[in-house]
Protein backbone atom coordinates (compact mmCIF):
# COMPACT_ATOMS: atom_id res chain seq x y z
CA MET A 1 64.47 56.20 58.65
CA ASN A 2 61.49 54.19 59.84
CA ILE A 3 63.29 51.01 58.75
CA VAL A 4 66.11 51.67 61.22
CA PHE A 5 63.65 52.38 64.05
CA HIS A 6 61.70 49.22 63.18
CA TYR A 7 64.93 47.21 63.31
CA LEU A 8 65.84 48.69 66.69
CA LYS A 9 62.39 47.78 68.02
CA LYS A 10 62.81 44.16 66.81
CA GLU A 11 66.14 44.03 68.64
CA ASN A 12 64.56 45.52 71.82
CA ILE A 13 66.80 48.58 71.64
CA SER A 14 65.21 51.84 72.68
CA ILE A 15 66.64 55.24 71.79
CA ASP A 16 65.44 58.83 71.72
CA LYS A 17 64.24 59.13 68.11
CA SER A 18 64.49 62.90 67.96
CA GLU A 19 68.08 62.81 69.28
CA PHE A 20 68.94 60.05 66.81
CA LEU A 21 67.57 62.10 63.92
CA PHE A 22 69.42 65.20 65.12
CA GLN A 23 72.72 63.30 65.31
CA LEU A 24 72.09 61.64 61.95
CA GLN A 25 71.23 64.86 60.13
CA SER A 26 74.25 66.59 61.72
CA HIS A 27 76.64 63.96 60.34
CA PRO A 28 78.91 65.34 57.59
CA ASP A 29 78.09 62.38 55.29
CA TYR A 30 74.30 62.59 55.75
CA PRO A 31 72.26 61.07 54.07
CA ASN A 32 74.77 58.34 53.15
CA LEU A 33 74.91 54.92 54.78
CA LEU A 34 78.04 55.93 56.69
CA ALA A 35 75.97 58.52 58.56
CA ILE A 36 73.50 55.85 59.71
CA VAL A 37 76.25 53.46 60.85
CA ASP A 38 78.18 56.20 62.66
CA THR A 39 75.03 57.44 64.38
CA LEU A 40 74.18 53.95 65.62
CA ILE A 41 77.73 53.60 66.94
CA PHE A 42 77.37 57.02 68.63
CA PHE A 43 74.45 55.48 70.58
CA ASP A 44 76.62 52.44 71.48
CA ILE A 45 74.70 50.20 69.11
CA GLU A 46 76.86 47.72 67.24
CA ALA A 47 76.69 48.51 63.54
CA GLY A 48 78.64 48.04 60.35
CA ALA A 49 78.36 48.20 56.60
CA PHE A 50 79.42 45.22 54.54
CA LYS A 51 79.20 44.18 50.92
CA ILE A 52 78.46 40.46 50.72
CA ASP A 53 77.88 37.84 48.07
CA LEU A 54 74.68 35.80 48.01
CA LYS A 55 76.63 32.76 49.26
CA GLU A 56 77.42 34.69 52.48
CA TYR A 57 73.74 35.40 53.20
CA ASP A 58 73.56 32.58 55.79
CA LEU A 59 76.19 34.36 57.90
CA LEU A 60 73.91 37.34 58.56
CA PRO A 61 72.06 37.79 61.87
CA SER A 62 68.34 37.09 62.30
CA TYR A 63 67.43 40.74 61.71
CA PHE A 64 69.39 43.17 59.60
CA VAL A 65 68.96 46.26 57.49
CA ALA A 66 70.19 46.28 53.90
CA PHE A 67 70.76 49.16 51.53
CA LEU A 68 69.64 47.84 48.12
CA ASN A 69 68.98 49.12 44.64
CA LEU A 70 65.92 47.26 43.35
CA GLY A 71 65.23 49.56 40.43
CA LYS A 72 63.99 52.55 42.46
CA GLY A 73 67.39 53.81 43.59
CA MET A 74 69.14 52.93 46.83
CA GLU A 75 66.69 52.23 49.67
CA LEU A 76 66.81 50.67 53.13
CA TYR A 77 65.06 47.34 53.70
CA LEU A 78 64.56 45.32 56.89
CA PHE A 79 65.12 41.58 56.62
CA GLU A 80 64.01 38.92 59.08
């Protein structure tokens, strides 16, 4: 979950980390991506999950978190 907190720091968004983790782990779909998105929305942080093609990469914001499978299973990555 450090990736999400790092992203929030880059965006100058501060939240109570322990409360975030509590809400996240209480979500019925935890540990899926939906749980992360819903928890961010719970904290009034704009969030969404989208599947995009490489040609749509330029449409992404300056900072974003991606859930990728790079041979080690699905993991979160922060992109700048």
